Amino acid sequence: MTDFVREQPDNDPDEIDAHGVDLVDGDAPSVRLLIRGDLPRTLEHEGRTWVATGETHDAGDSPDIAVFRPA
């Protein structure tokens, strides 16, 4: 699974890689986050725990976005 949405630029070695994440809960609009550093298996957002599903959303010409759902 490719989940990077932005890789560290060659000219700035101190910049941390970032991952795109969609928080998906049923038919509600998803929330897209940018996570810097390693992508966790779970994350907390607005008082809820979200779990990585292994699913991805196609981002067109960009790398895929990882999908997380409520725990």
Protein backbone atom coordinates (compact mmCIF):
# COMPACT_ATOMS: atom_id res chain seq x y z
CA MET A 1 0.00 0.00 0.00
CA THR A 2 1.36 3.40 -0.94
CA ASP A 3 0.24 5.98 1.57
CA PHE A 4 2.71 8.82 1.12
CA VAL A 5 1.21 12.04 -0.18
CA ARG A 6 4.39 14.06 0.11
CA GLU A 7 7.91 12.82 0.30
CA GLN A 8 10.84 14.58 1.89
CA PRO A 9 12.28 17.04 -0.62
CA ASP A 10 15.90 16.39 -1.60
CA ASN A 11 16.83 19.96 -0.75
CA ASP A 12 15.46 19.80 2.84
CA PRO A 13 16.69 16.65 4.64
CA ASP A 14 15.21 17.87 7.96
CA GLU A 15 11.62 17.79 6.64
CA ILE A 16 9.64 14.71 7.78
CA ASP A 17 7.68 12.54 5.29
CA ALA A 18 3.90 12.86 5.47
CA HIS A 19 1.01 10.42 4.88
CA GLY A 20 -2.52 11.17 3.73
CA VAL A 21 -5.31 9.62 5.83
CA ASP A 22 -9.10 9.60 5.34
CA LEU A 23 -11.24 9.03 8.44
CA VAL A 24 -14.34 7.24 7.13
CA ASP A 25 -17.48 6.56 9.19
CA GLY A 26 -20.43 5.22 7.21
CA ASP A 27 -22.14 7.78 4.97
CA ALA A 28 -20.76 10.81 6.84
CA PRO A 29 -18.29 12.97 4.90
CA SER A 30 -14.76 11.72 5.42
CA VAL A 31 -12.12 13.81 7.16
CA ARG A 32 -8.72 14.03 5.45
CA LEU A 33 -5.63 14.43 7.62
CA LEU A 34 -1.95 14.77 6.89
CA ILE A 35 0.15 12.72 9.32
CA ARG A 36 3.84 13.58 9.59
CA GLY A 37 6.28 10.78 10.38
CA ASP A 38 5.39 7.09 10.57
CA LEU A 39 1.76 6.16 9.89
CA PRO A 40 0.31 4.57 13.06
CA ARG A 41 -2.09 1.57 13.15
CA THR A 42 -4.48 3.64 15.31
CA LEU A 43 -4.92 7.35 15.90
CA GLU A 44 -7.05 9.66 18.03
CA HIS A 45 -9.12 12.46 16.48
CA GLU A 46 -11.78 14.54 18.24
CA GLY A 47 -12.14 12.07 21.11
CA ARG A 48 -12.47 8.96 18.93
CA THR A 49 -10.06 6.13 18.14
CA TRP A 50 -9.57 5.27 14.46
CA VAL A 51 -7.98 2.08 13.08
CA ALA A 52 -6.11 1.56 9.79
CA THR A 53 -8.09 -0.79 7.53
CA GLY A 54 -5.56 -1.54 4.81
CA GLU A 55 -7.93 0.12 2.32
CA THR A 56 -6.84 3.08 0.22
CA HIS A 57 -8.49 5.82 -1.83
CA ASP A 58 -7.14 6.49 -5.28
CA ALA A 59 -5.71 10.01 -5.34
CA GLY A 60 -5.32 10.19 -9.12
CA ASP A 61 -1.79 11.22 -10.05
CA SER A 62 -0.80 11.36 -6.37
CA PRO A 63 -0.05 8.39 -4.11
CA ASP A 64 -3.03 6.63 -2.51
CA ILE A 65 -4.65 7.85 0.73
CA ALA A 66 -4.88 5.38 3.67
CA VAL A 67 -8.37 4.71 5.09
CA PHE A 68 -9.07 4.61 8.83
CA ARG A 69 -12.43 3.65 10.40
CA PRO A 70 -13.79 3.98 13.96
CA ALA A 71 -12.49 1.38 16.43
